[in-house]
């Protein structure tokens, strides 16, 4: 999966948090790993200048992801599961 595809998947899952549970249940580990990776990297700071509204929205979504317990997801374990 390309970096752009990962970003789009992560942004979709941030916008629709219910997808995280669905994708975990369906064992779509690569997509869950893409979300965790995106959230850990945080929203690109350049967006604050180029698209402030998108930056604000993504920041709020990443914050909600962590407040809902997303930080407990282990990226290394998800990557191992995705590789199998």
N, C-alpha and C. Protein backbone atom coordinates (compact mmCIF):
# COMPACT_ATOMS: atom_id res chain seq x y z
N UNK A 1 0.85 -1.17 0.00
CA UNK A 1 0.00 0.00 0.00
C UNK A 1 0.90 1.24 0.00
N UNK A 2 0.57 2.20 -0.83
CA UNK A 2 1.38 3.41 -0.94
C UNK A 2 1.12 4.34 0.24
N UNK A 3 2.00 5.31 0.40
CA UNK A 3 1.86 6.28 1.49
C UNK A 3 0.56 7.07 1.35
N UNK A 4 0.21 7.41 0.13
CA UNK A 4 -1.03 8.17 -0.11
C UNK A 4 -2.26 7.33 0.25
N UNK A 5 -2.24 6.05 -0.12
CA UNK A 5 -3.34 5.16 0.23
C UNK A 5 -3.48 5.03 1.75
N UNK A 6 -2.35 4.89 2.43
CA UNK A 6 -2.38 4.82 3.89
C UNK A 6 -2.98 6.08 4.50
N UNK A 7 -2.57 7.23 3.97
CA UNK A 7 -3.10 8.49 4.49
C UNK A 7 -4.62 8.58 4.29
N UNK A 8 -5.08 8.20 3.11
CA UNK A 8 -6.52 8.25 2.84
C UNK A 8 -7.30 7.30 3.74
N UNK A 9 -6.77 6.12 3.96
CA UNK A 9 -7.42 5.16 4.86
C UNK A 9 -7.47 5.71 6.27
N UNK A 10 -6.34 6.25 6.74
CA UNK A 10 -6.29 6.81 8.09
C UNK A 10 -7.26 7.97 8.25
N UNK A 11 -7.32 8.84 7.27
CA UNK A 11 -8.23 9.99 7.36
C UNK A 11 -9.68 9.55 7.34
N UNK A 12 -9.98 8.53 6.55
CA UNK A 12 -11.35 8.00 6.54
C UNK A 12 -11.71 7.43 7.91
N UNK A 13 -10.79 6.69 8.51
CA UNK A 13 -11.06 6.09 9.81
C UNK A 13 -11.13 7.13 10.91
N UNK A 14 -10.39 8.20 10.78
CA UNK A 14 -10.49 9.29 11.76
C UNK A 14 -11.84 10.00 11.63
N UNK A 15 -12.30 10.15 10.41
CA UNK A 15 -13.57 10.83 10.18
C UNK A 15 -14.75 9.97 10.64
N UNK A 16 -14.60 8.65 10.50
CA UNK A 16 -15.66 7.71 10.88
C UNK A 16 -15.09 6.73 11.90
N UNK A 17 -15.03 7.10 13.19
CA UNK A 17 -14.38 6.27 14.21
C UNK A 17 -14.97 4.86 14.34
N UNK A 18 -16.22 4.68 13.95
CA UNK A 18 -16.83 3.35 14.04
C UNK A 18 -16.12 2.33 13.12
N UNK A 19 -15.42 2.82 12.11
CA UNK A 19 -14.70 1.92 11.19
C UNK A 19 -13.55 1.19 11.89
N UNK A 20 -13.00 1.77 12.93
CA UNK A 20 -11.89 1.11 13.64
C UNK A 20 -12.35 -0.22 14.20
N UNK A 21 -13.46 -0.23 14.89
CA UNK A 21 -13.98 -1.48 15.44
C UNK A 21 -14.31 -2.50 14.37
N UNK A 22 -14.88 -2.04 13.27
CA UNK A 22 -15.23 -2.93 12.16
C UNK A 22 -13.98 -3.56 11.57
N UNK A 23 -12.96 -2.74 11.35
CA UNK A 23 -11.73 -3.24 10.72
C UNK A 23 -10.93 -4.13 11.67
N UNK A 24 -11.02 -3.86 12.96
CA UNK A 24 -10.38 -4.78 13.92
C UNK A 24 -11.09 -6.13 13.90
N UNK A 25 -12.40 -6.10 13.88
CA UNK A 25 -13.18 -7.34 13.85
C UNK A 25 -12.92 -8.13 12.58
N UNK A 26 -12.76 -7.43 11.46
CA UNK A 26 -12.49 -8.08 10.17
C UNK A 26 -11.02 -8.43 9.99
N UNK A 27 -10.21 -8.11 10.99
CA UNK A 27 -8.77 -8.39 10.98
C UNK A 27 -8.06 -7.74 9.80
N UNK A 28 -8.42 -6.51 9.52
CA UNK A 28 -7.77 -5.74 8.45
C UNK A 28 -6.62 -4.95 9.09
N UNK A 29 -5.60 -5.70 9.50
CA UNK A 29 -4.51 -5.16 10.31
C UNK A 29 -3.74 -4.05 9.61
N UNK A 30 -3.51 -4.16 8.32
CA UNK A 30 -2.73 -3.15 7.61
C UNK A 30 -3.43 -1.79 7.66
N UNK A 31 -4.75 -1.78 7.58
CA UNK A 31 -5.49 -0.53 7.63
C UNK A 31 -5.48 0.07 9.02
N UNK A 32 -5.60 -0.79 10.03
CA UNK A 32 -5.53 -0.29 11.41
C UNK A 32 -4.13 0.24 11.70
N UNK A 33 -3.11 -0.45 11.20
CA UNK A 33 -1.73 0.01 11.38
C UNK A 33 -1.52 1.36 10.70
N UNK A 34 -2.13 1.56 9.54
CA UNK A 34 -2.02 2.84 8.83
C UNK A 34 -2.60 3.97 9.68
N UNK A 35 -3.72 3.70 10.33
CA UNK A 35 -4.34 4.70 11.20
C UNK A 35 -3.44 5.04 12.38
N UNK A 36 -2.92 4.02 13.04
CA UNK A 36 -2.06 4.24 14.21
C UNK A 36 -0.80 4.99 13.80
N UNK A 37 -0.22 4.60 12.68
CA UNK A 37 0.99 5.26 12.18
C UNK A 37 0.73 6.75 11.90
N UNK A 38 -0.41 7.04 11.26
CA UNK A 38 -0.77 8.42 10.94
C UNK A 38 -0.96 9.23 12.22
N UNK A 39 -1.67 8.65 13.18
CA UNK A 39 -1.94 9.37 14.43
C UNK A 39 -0.65 9.62 15.21
N UNK A 40 0.27 8.65 15.21
CA UNK A 40 1.53 8.83 15.92
C UNK A 40 2.41 9.89 15.27
N UNK A 41 2.37 9.96 13.94
CA UNK A 41 3.16 10.99 13.23
C UNK A 41 2.56 12.37 13.42
N UNK A 42 1.26 12.42 13.68
CA UNK A 42 0.51 13.65 13.89
C UNK A 42 0.22 14.33 12.54
N UNK A 43 -0.61 15.31 12.61
CA UNK A 43 -1.04 16.03 11.41
C UNK A 43 0.11 16.90 10.90
N UNK A 44 0.36 16.89 9.59
CA UNK A 44 1.45 17.71 9.06
C UNK A 44 1.26 19.19 9.39
N UNK A 45 2.28 19.80 9.97
CA UNK A 45 2.20 21.20 10.39
C UNK A 45 1.99 22.16 9.22
N UNK A 46 2.42 21.75 8.02
CA UNK A 46 2.27 22.62 6.84
C UNK A 46 0.81 22.91 6.55
N UNK A 47 -0.07 21.99 6.94
CA UNK A 47 -1.50 22.19 6.70
C UNK A 47 -2.04 23.40 7.47
N UNK A 48 -1.42 23.73 8.57
CA UNK A 48 -1.88 24.88 9.36
C UNK A 48 -1.81 26.16 8.53
N UNK A 49 -0.87 26.21 7.61
CA UNK A 49 -0.71 27.39 6.75
C UNK A 49 -1.49 27.23 5.45
N UNK A 50 -1.39 26.05 4.84
CA UNK A 50 -2.00 25.85 3.52
C UNK A 50 -3.50 25.59 3.58
N UNK A 51 -3.97 24.92 4.63
CA UNK A 51 -5.39 24.61 4.76
C UNK A 51 -5.75 24.55 6.24
N UNK A 52 -5.92 25.72 6.88
CA UNK A 52 -6.17 25.75 8.32
C UNK A 52 -7.40 24.98 8.77
N UNK A 53 -8.45 24.98 7.98
CA UNK A 53 -9.68 24.28 8.37
C UNK A 53 -9.43 22.76 8.41
N UNK A 54 -8.75 22.23 7.39
CA UNK A 54 -8.44 20.81 7.37
C UNK A 54 -7.51 20.46 8.53
N UNK A 55 -6.52 21.30 8.78
CA UNK A 55 -5.59 21.07 9.89
C UNK A 55 -6.35 20.98 11.21
N UNK A 56 -7.23 21.90 11.46
CA UNK A 56 -8.01 21.92 12.70
C UNK A 56 -8.87 20.66 12.82
N UNK A 57 -9.51 20.29 11.72
CA UNK A 57 -10.37 19.10 11.73
C UNK A 57 -9.56 17.84 12.03
N UNK A 58 -8.44 17.68 11.34
CA UNK A 58 -7.60 16.50 11.55
C UNK A 58 -7.03 16.46 12.96
N UNK A 59 -6.63 17.62 13.49
CA UNK A 59 -6.11 17.67 14.86
C UNK A 59 -7.18 17.22 15.85
N UNK A 60 -8.40 17.68 15.67
CA UNK A 60 -9.49 17.27 16.56
C UNK A 60 -9.74 15.77 16.45
N UNK A 61 -9.70 15.24 15.24
CA UNK A 61 -9.94 13.82 15.03
C UNK A 61 -8.83 12.96 15.65
N UNK A 62 -7.59 13.38 15.53
CA UNK A 62 -6.48 12.65 16.13
C UNK A 62 -6.59 12.70 17.65
N UNK A 63 -6.95 13.85 18.18
CA UNK A 63 -7.13 13.97 19.63
C UNK A 63 -8.22 13.02 20.11
N UNK A 64 -9.36 12.98 19.40
CA UNK A 64 -10.45 12.07 19.77
C UNK A 64 -10.01 10.62 19.69
N UNK A 65 -9.20 10.29 18.69
CA UNK A 65 -8.68 8.93 18.53
C UNK A 65 -7.91 8.52 19.79
N UNK A 66 -7.03 9.39 20.27
CA UNK A 66 -6.25 9.08 21.46
C UNK A 66 -7.12 9.08 22.72
N UNK A 67 -8.08 9.98 22.80
CA UNK A 67 -8.97 10.00 23.97
C UNK A 67 -9.84 8.75 24.06
N UNK A 68 -10.13 8.15 22.92
CA UNK A 68 -10.93 6.92 22.90
C UNK A 68 -10.07 5.67 23.13
N UNK A 69 -8.79 5.85 23.38
CA UNK A 69 -7.93 4.71 23.69
C UNK A 69 -7.07 4.23 22.55
N UNK A 70 -7.00 4.99 21.47
CA UNK A 70 -6.20 4.58 20.31
C UNK A 70 -4.72 4.44 20.61
N UNK A 71 -4.25 5.12 21.62
CA UNK A 71 -2.84 5.03 21.99
C UNK A 71 -2.46 3.66 22.53
N UNK A 72 -3.44 2.86 22.91
CA UNK A 72 -3.18 1.53 23.44
C UNK A 72 -2.88 0.52 22.33
N UNK A 73 -3.17 0.88 21.09
CA UNK A 73 -2.91 -0.04 19.97
C UNK A 73 -1.41 -0.09 19.70
N UNK A 74 -0.87 -1.29 19.62
CA UNK A 74 0.55 -1.52 19.44
C UNK A 74 0.88 -1.60 17.95
N UNK A 75 1.57 -0.59 17.44
CA UNK A 75 1.88 -0.52 16.01
C UNK A 75 2.74 -1.70 15.56
N UNK A 76 3.74 -2.07 16.34
CA UNK A 76 4.62 -3.18 15.95
C UNK A 76 3.81 -4.48 15.83
N UNK A 77 2.92 -4.73 16.76
CA UNK A 77 2.11 -5.94 16.72
C UNK A 77 1.16 -5.92 15.51
N UNK A 78 0.58 -4.77 15.23
CA UNK A 78 -0.30 -4.66 14.07
C UNK A 78 0.47 -4.91 12.78
N UNK A 79 1.68 -4.39 12.69
CA UNK A 79 2.50 -4.62 11.50
C UNK A 79 2.87 -6.09 11.34
N UNK A 80 3.15 -6.77 12.47
CA UNK A 80 3.43 -8.21 12.41
C UNK A 80 2.21 -8.97 11.92
N UNK A 81 1.05 -8.63 12.45
CA UNK A 81 -0.18 -9.30 12.04
C UNK A 81 -0.48 -9.06 10.56
N UNK A 82 -0.22 -7.84 10.10
CA UNK A 82 -0.47 -7.50 8.70
C UNK A 82 0.47 -8.27 7.76
N UNK A 83 1.67 -8.55 8.23
CA UNK A 83 2.66 -9.24 7.40
C UNK A 83 2.36 -10.73 7.26
N UNK A 84 1.54 -11.27 8.15
CA UNK A 84 1.25 -12.71 8.08
C UNK A 84 0.05 -13.01 7.22
